[in-house]
Amino acid sequence: MFQVTKEMTIASVIREDPESAPVFMNYGMHCLYCPHASAESIGMAAGVHGIDADALVVDLNKYFAEKQ
């Protein structure tokens, strides 16, 4: 199973499964394909947007677990 961590980039998660985009969008992260999505970790991006990175990672991992 694919496991998401705060150290991963947004782009790496989207490449694994483009359908995971709504999970990010639910947290107000709409710039999934901007240059920063490839350079910043999920943790860094969450901090910039004032989002709880741990909650986002939990929800992303739930998403991937439910796909199996």
PDB file of N, CA and C in Angstrom:
ATOM      1  N   MET A   1       0.843  -1.183   0.000  1.00  0.00           N
ATOM      2  CA  MET A   1       0.000   0.000   0.000  1.00  0.00           C
ATOM      3  C   MET A   1       0.888   1.245   0.000  1.00  0.00           C
ATOM      4  N   PHE A   2       0.488   2.233  -0.752  1.00  0.00           N
ATOM      5  CA  PHE A   2       1.176   3.517  -0.816  1.00  0.00           C
ATOM      6  C   PHE A   2       0.970   4.239   0.508  1.00  0.00           C
ATOM      7  N   GLN A   3       2.050   4.707   1.102  1.00  0.00           N
ATOM      8  CA  GLN A   3       1.994   5.389   2.401  1.00  0.00           C
ATOM      9  C   GLN A   3       2.496   6.824   2.227  1.00  0.00           C
ATOM     10  N   VAL A   4       1.679   7.778   2.607  1.00  0.00           N
ATOM     11  CA  VAL A   4       2.025   9.191   2.492  1.00  0.00           C
ATOM     12  C   VAL A   4       2.697   9.653   3.783  1.00  0.00           C
ATOM     13  N   THR A   5       3.733  10.492   3.632  1.00  0.00           N
ATOM     14  CA  THR A   5       4.379  11.125   4.777  1.00  0.00           C
ATOM     15  C   THR A   5       4.456  12.624   4.535  1.00  0.00           C
ATOM     16  N   LYS A   6       4.696  13.381   5.592  1.00  0.00           N
ATOM     17  CA  LYS A   6       4.806  14.839   5.478  1.00  0.00           C
ATOM     18  C   LYS A   6       6.030  15.249   4.681  1.00  0.00           C
ATOM     19  N   GLU A   7       6.986  14.358   4.563  1.00  0.00           N
ATOM     20  CA  GLU A   7       8.220  14.670   3.846  1.00  0.00           C
ATOM     21  C   GLU A   7       8.082  14.552   2.322  1.00  0.00           C
ATOM     22  N   MET A   8       7.033  13.903   1.861  1.00  0.00           N
ATOM     23  CA  MET A   8       6.797  13.731   0.427  1.00  0.00           C
ATOM     24  C   MET A   8       6.317  15.039  -0.186  1.00  0.00           C
ATOM     25  N   THR A   9       6.542  15.189  -1.475  1.00  0.00           N
ATOM     26  CA  THR A   9       5.995  16.353  -2.166  1.00  0.00           C
ATOM     27  C   THR A   9       4.542  16.080  -2.554  1.00  0.00           C
ATOM     28  N   ILE A  10       3.812  17.153  -2.736  1.00  0.00           N
ATOM     29  CA  ILE A  10       2.436  17.037  -3.216  1.00  0.00           C
ATOM     30  C   ILE A  10       2.438  16.345  -4.579  1.00  0.00           C
ATOM     31  N   ALA A  11       3.381  16.749  -5.427  1.00  0.00           N
ATOM     32  CA  ALA A  11       3.452  16.187  -6.784  1.00  0.00           C
ATOM     33  C   ALA A  11       3.649  14.678  -6.765  1.00  0.00           C
ATOM     34  N   SER A  12       4.438  14.171  -5.825  1.00  0.00           N
ATOM     35  CA  SER A  12       4.671  12.724  -5.791  1.00  0.00           C
ATOM     36  C   SER A  12       3.394  11.971  -5.436  1.00  0.00           C
ATOM     37  N   VAL A  13       2.578  12.553  -4.590  1.00  0.00           N
ATOM     38  CA  VAL A  13       1.305  11.915  -4.227  1.00  0.00           C
ATOM     39  C   VAL A  13       0.343  11.981  -5.414  1.00  0.00           C
ATOM     40  N   ILE A  14       0.275  13.124  -6.074  1.00  0.00           N
ATOM     41  CA  ILE A  14      -0.612  13.283  -7.233  1.00  0.00           C
ATOM     42  C   ILE A  14      -0.176  12.363  -8.372  1.00  0.00           C
ATOM     43  N   ARG A  15       1.124  12.194  -8.541  1.00  0.00           N
ATOM     44  CA  ARG A  15       1.612  11.260  -9.585  1.00  0.00           C
ATOM     45  C   ARG A  15       1.184   9.829  -9.259  1.00  0.00           C
ATOM     46  N   GLU A  16       1.233   9.471  -7.998  1.00  0.00           N
ATOM     47  CA  GLU A  16       0.821   8.120  -7.599  1.00  0.00           C
ATOM     48  C   GLU A  16      -0.652   7.889  -7.912  1.00  0.00           C
ATOM     49  N   ASP A  17      -1.474   8.919  -7.649  1.00  0.00           N
ATOM     50  CA  ASP A  17      -2.905   8.797  -7.922  1.00  0.00           C
ATOM     51  C   ASP A  17      -3.509  10.194  -8.085  1.00  0.00           C
ATOM     52  N   PRO A  18      -3.726  10.623  -9.318  1.00  0.00           N
ATOM     53  CA  PRO A  18      -4.299  11.948  -9.555  1.00  0.00           C
ATOM     54  C   PRO A  18      -5.662  12.148  -8.888  1.00  0.00           C
ATOM     55  N   GLU A  19      -6.366  11.057  -8.630  1.00  0.00           N
ATOM     56  CA  GLU A  19      -7.677  11.161  -8.006  1.00  0.00           C
ATOM     57  C   GLU A  19      -7.599  11.506  -6.517  1.00  0.00           C
ATOM     58  N   SER A  20      -6.379  11.612  -5.973  1.00  0.00           N
ATOM     59  CA  SER A  20      -6.221  12.025  -4.576  1.00  0.00           C
ATOM     60  C   SER A  20      -6.323  13.540  -4.434  1.00  0.00           C
ATOM     61  N   ALA A  21      -6.384  14.265  -5.544  1.00  0.00           N
ATOM     62  CA  ALA A  21      -6.432  15.733  -5.528  1.00  0.00           C
ATOM     63  C   ALA A  21      -7.537  16.294  -4.634  1.00  0.00           C
ATOM     64  N   PRO A  22      -8.753  15.733  -4.638  1.00  0.00           N
ATOM     65  CA  PRO A  22      -9.798  16.294  -3.785  1.00  0.00           C
ATOM     66  C   PRO A  22      -9.460  16.283  -2.291  1.00  0.00           C
ATOM     67  N   VAL A  23      -8.633  15.345  -1.865  1.00  0.00           N
ATOM     68  CA  VAL A  23      -8.238  15.330  -0.451  1.00  0.00           C
ATOM     69  C   VAL A  23      -7.459  16.602  -0.136  1.00  0.00           C
ATOM     70  N   PHE A  24      -6.523  16.956  -1.004  1.00  0.00           N
ATOM     71  CA  PHE A  24      -5.781  18.206  -0.818  1.00  0.00           C
ATOM     72  C   PHE A  24      -6.726  19.404  -0.888  1.00  0.00           C
ATOM     73  N   MET A  25      -7.628  19.392  -1.859  1.00  0.00           N
ATOM     74  CA  MET A  25      -8.532  20.527  -2.051  1.00  0.00           C
ATOM     75  C   MET A  25      -9.458  20.722  -0.862  1.00  0.00           C
ATOM     76  N   ASN A  26      -9.852  19.631  -0.216  1.00  0.00           N
ATOM     77  CA  ASN A  26     -10.693  19.733   0.982  1.00  0.00           C
ATOM     78  C   ASN A  26      -9.993  20.509   2.091  1.00  0.00           C
ATOM     79  N   TYR A  27      -8.682  20.559   2.046  1.00  0.00           N
ATOM     80  CA  TYR A  27      -7.899  21.294   3.036  1.00  0.00           C
ATOM     81  C   TYR A  27      -7.529  22.693   2.538  1.00  0.00           C
ATOM     82  N   GLY A  28      -8.042  23.080   1.394  1.00  0.00           N
ATOM     83  CA  GLY A  28      -7.774  24.410   0.855  1.00  0.00           C
ATOM     84  C   GLY A  28      -6.497  24.500   0.046  1.00  0.00           C
ATOM     85  N   MET A  29      -5.919  23.368  -0.292  1.00  0.00           N
ATOM     86  CA  MET A  29      -4.702  23.350  -1.106  1.00  0.00           C
ATOM     87  C   MET A  29      -5.112  23.105  -2.554  1.00  0.00           C
ATOM     88  N   HIS A  30      -5.236  24.205  -3.300  1.00  0.00           N
ATOM     89  CA  HIS A  30      -5.753  24.131  -4.669  1.00  0.00           C
ATOM     90  C   HIS A  30      -4.664  24.213  -5.733  1.00  0.00           C
ATOM     91  N   CYS A  31      -3.483  24.622  -5.361  1.00  0.00           N
ATOM     92  CA  CYS A  31      -2.388  24.779  -6.339  1.00  0.00           C
ATOM     93  C   CYS A  31      -1.579  23.490  -6.451  1.00  0.00           C
ATOM     94  N   LEU A  32      -2.218  22.441  -6.852  1.00  0.00           N
ATOM     95  CA  LEU A  32      -1.586  21.119  -6.857  1.00  0.00           C
ATOM     96  C   LEU A  32      -0.594  20.938  -7.994  1.00  0.00           C
ATOM     97  N   TYR A  33      -0.692  21.765  -8.999  1.00  0.00           N
ATOM     98  CA  TYR A  33       0.190  21.599 -10.149  1.00  0.00           C
ATOM     99  C   TYR A  33       1.121  22.795 -10.345  1.00  0.00           C
ATOM    100  N   CYS A  34       1.206  23.655  -9.338  1.00  0.00           N
ATOM    101  CA  CYS A  34       2.119  24.798  -9.427  1.00  0.00           C
ATOM    102  C   CYS A  34       3.551  24.313  -9.158  1.00  0.00           C
ATOM    103  N   PRO A  35       4.539  25.105  -9.487  1.00  0.00           N
ATOM    104  CA  PRO A  35       5.937  24.688  -9.290  1.00  0.00           C
ATOM    105  C   PRO A  35       6.270  24.298  -7.846  1.00  0.00           C
ATOM    106  N   HIS A  36       5.608  24.938  -6.883  1.00  0.00           N
ATOM    107  CA  HIS A  36       5.886  24.623  -5.488  1.00  0.00           C
ATOM    108  C   HIS A  36       5.438  23.206  -5.125  1.00  0.00           C
ATOM    109  N   ALA A  37       4.449  22.688  -5.807  1.00  0.00           N
ATOM    110  CA  ALA A  37       3.955  21.341  -5.513  1.00  0.00           C
ATOM    111  C   ALA A  37       5.028  20.288  -5.767  1.00  0.00           C
ATOM    112  N   SER A  38       5.954  20.603  -6.658  1.00  0.00           N
ATOM    113  CA  SER A  38       7.045  19.670  -6.944  1.00  0.00           C
ATOM    114  C   SER A  38       8.237  19.872  -6.028  1.00  0.00           C
ATOM    115  N   ALA A  39       8.347  21.053  -5.431  1.00  0.00           N
ATOM    116  CA  ALA A  39       9.528  21.376  -4.643  1.00  0.00           C
ATOM    117  C   ALA A  39       9.296  21.290  -3.136  1.00  0.00           C
ATOM    118  N   GLU A  40       8.114  21.649  -2.675  1.00  0.00           N
ATOM    119  CA  GLU A  40       7.842  21.667  -1.236  1.00  0.00           C
ATOM    120  C   GLU A  40       7.293  20.337  -0.758  1.00  0.00           C
ATOM    121  N   SER A  41       7.643  19.993   0.462  1.00  0.00           N
ATOM    122  CA  SER A  41       7.050  18.806   1.072  1.00  0.00           C
ATOM    123  C   SER A  41       5.612  19.134   1.490  1.00  0.00           C
ATOM    124  N   ILE A  42       4.844  18.117   1.746  1.00  0.00           N
ATOM    125  CA  ILE A  42       3.475  18.310   2.235  1.00  0.00           C
ATOM    126  C   ILE A  42       3.511  19.102   3.533  1.00  0.00           C
ATOM    127  N   GLY A  43       4.456  18.773   4.399  1.00  0.00           N
ATOM    128  CA  GLY A  43       4.574  19.478   5.677  1.00  0.00           C
ATOM    129  C   GLY A  43       4.862  20.955   5.486  1.00  0.00           C
ATOM    130  N   MET A  44       5.772  21.290   4.574  1.00  0.00           N
ATOM    131  CA  MET A  44       6.109  22.687   4.300  1.00  0.00           C
ATOM    132  C   MET A  44       4.905  23.422   3.713  1.00  0.00           C
ATOM    133  N   ALA A  45       4.264  22.819   2.740  1.00  0.00           N
ATOM    134  CA  ALA A  45       3.114  23.448   2.093  1.00  0.00           C
ATOM    135  C   ALA A  45       1.972  23.649   3.091  1.00  0.00           C
ATOM    136  N   ALA A  46       1.753  22.674   3.937  1.00  0.00           N
ATOM    137  CA  ALA A  46       0.696  22.801   4.947  1.00  0.00           C
ATOM    138  C   ALA A  46       0.998  23.966   5.883  1.00  0.00           C
ATOM    139  N   GLY A  47       2.252  24.111   6.269  1.00  0.00           N
ATOM    140  CA  GLY A  47       2.633  25.215   7.142  1.00  0.00           C
ATOM    141  C   GLY A  47       2.382  26.566   6.500  1.00  0.00           C
ATOM    142  N   VAL A  48       2.701  26.687   5.224  1.00  0.00           N
ATOM    143  CA  VAL A  48       2.489  27.941   4.495  1.00  0.00           C
ATOM    144  C   VAL A  48       1.003  28.282   4.426  1.00  0.00           C
ATOM    145  N   HIS A  49       0.168  27.243   4.293  1.00  0.00           N
ATOM    146  CA  HIS A  49      -1.272  27.450   4.149  1.00  0.00           C
ATOM    147  C   HIS A  49      -2.022  27.415   5.477  1.00  0.00           C
ATOM    148  N   GLY A  50      -1.306  27.224   6.585  1.00  0.00           N
ATOM    149  CA  GLY A  50      -1.949  27.172   7.895  1.00  0.00           C
ATOM    150  C   GLY A  50      -2.819  25.945   8.090  1.00  0.00           C
ATOM    151  N   ILE A  51      -2.376  24.837   7.508  1.00  0.00           N
ATOM    152  CA  ILE A  51      -3.131  23.580   7.542  1.00  0.00           C
ATOM    153  C   ILE A  51      -2.433  22.598   8.474  1.00  0.00           C
ATOM    154  N   ASP A  52      -3.205  21.769   9.144  1.00  0.00           N
ATOM    155  CA  ASP A  52      -2.660  20.712   9.996  1.00  0.00           C
ATOM    156  C   ASP A  52      -2.119  19.597   9.099  1.00  0.00           C
ATOM    157  N   ALA A  53      -0.801  19.539   8.957  1.00  0.00           N
ATOM    158  CA  ALA A  53      -0.164  18.552   8.075  1.00  0.00           C
ATOM    159  C   ALA A  53      -0.447  17.129   8.531  1.00  0.00           C
ATOM    160  N   ASP A  54      -0.474  16.910   9.845  1.00  0.00           N
ATOM    161  CA  ASP A  54      -0.727  15.552  10.337  1.00  0.00           C
ATOM    162  C   ASP A  54      -2.123  15.081   9.949  1.00  0.00           C
ATOM    163  N   ALA A  55      -3.111  15.950  10.065  1.00  0.00           N
ATOM    164  CA  ALA A  55      -4.482  15.581   9.687  1.00  0.00           C
ATOM    165  C   ALA A  55      -4.578  15.311   8.193  1.00  0.00           C
ATOM    166  N   LEU A  56      -3.912  16.131   7.400  1.00  0.00           N
ATOM    167  CA  LEU A  56      -3.913  15.930   5.946  1.00  0.00           C
ATOM    168  C   LEU A  56      -3.302  14.582   5.591  1.00  0.00           C
ATOM    169  N   VAL A  57      -2.176  14.249   6.197  1.00  0.00           N
ATOM    170  CA  VAL A  57      -1.517  12.965   5.919  1.00  0.00           C
ATOM    171  C   VAL A  57      -2.409  11.804   6.342  1.00  0.00           C
ATOM    172  N   VAL A  58      -3.071  11.934   7.477  1.00  0.00           N
ATOM    173  CA  VAL A  58      -3.993  10.878   7.922  1.00  0.00           C
ATOM    174  C   VAL A  58      -5.087  10.677   6.879  1.00  0.00           C
ATOM    175  N   ASP A  59      -5.673  11.771   6.405  1.00  0.00           N
ATOM    176  CA  ASP A  59      -6.749  11.654   5.416  1.00  0.00           C
ATOM    177  C   ASP A  59      -6.251  11.103   4.085  1.00  0.00           C
ATOM    178  N   LEU A  60      -5.052  11.501   3.682  1.00  0.00           N
ATOM    179  CA  LEU A  60      -4.485  10.942   2.449  1.00  0.00           C
ATOM    180  C   LEU A  60      -4.256   9.442   2.589  1.00  0.00           C
ATOM    181  N   ASN A  61      -3.739   9.012   3.723  1.00  0.00           N
ATOM    182  CA  ASN A  61      -3.501   7.579   3.925  1.00  0.00           C
ATOM    183  C   ASN A  61      -4.816   6.808   4.017  1.00  0.00           C
ATOM    184  N   LYS A  62      -5.855   7.414   4.569  1.00  0.00           N
ATOM    185  CA  LYS A  62      -7.182   6.777   4.574  1.00  0.00           C
ATOM    186  C   LYS A  62      -7.672   6.596   3.144  1.00  0.00           C
ATOM    187  N   TYR A  63      -7.474   7.633   2.350  1.00  0.00           N
ATOM    188  CA  TYR A  63      -7.880   7.571   0.942  1.00  0.00           C
ATOM    189  C   TYR A  63      -7.201   6.391   0.245  1.00  0.00           C
ATOM    190  N   PHE A  64      -5.880   6.295   0.394  1.00  0.00           N
ATOM    191  CA  PHE A  64      -5.161   5.217  -0.284  1.00  0.00           C
ATOM    192  C   PHE A  64      -5.521   3.837   0.285  1.00  0.00           C
ATOM    193  N   ALA A  65      -5.773   3.754   1.573  1.00  0.00           N
ATOM    194  CA  ALA A  65      -6.174   2.474   2.175  1.00  0.00           C
ATOM    195  C   ALA A  65      -7.524   2.013   1.643  1.00  0.00           C
ATOM    196  N   GLU A  66      -8.436   2.949   1.473  1.00  0.00           N
ATOM    197  CA  GLU A  66      -9.778   2.606   0.987  1.00  0.00           C
ATOM    198  C   GLU A  66      -9.771   2.205  -0.487  1.00  0.00           C
ATOM    199  N   LYS A  67      -8.758   2.600  -1.234  1.00  0.00           N
ATOM    200  CA  LYS A  67      -8.671   2.235  -2.649  1.00  0.00           C
ATOM    201  C   LYS A  67      -8.273   0.785  -2.850  1.00  0.00           C
ATOM    202  N   GLN A  68      -7.745   0.179  -1.810  1.00  0.00           N
ATOM    203  CA  GLN A  68      -7.295  -1.218  -1.969  1.00  0.00           C
ATOM    204  C   GLN A  68      -8.433  -2.176  -1.852  1.00  0.00           C
TER     205      GLN A  68
END
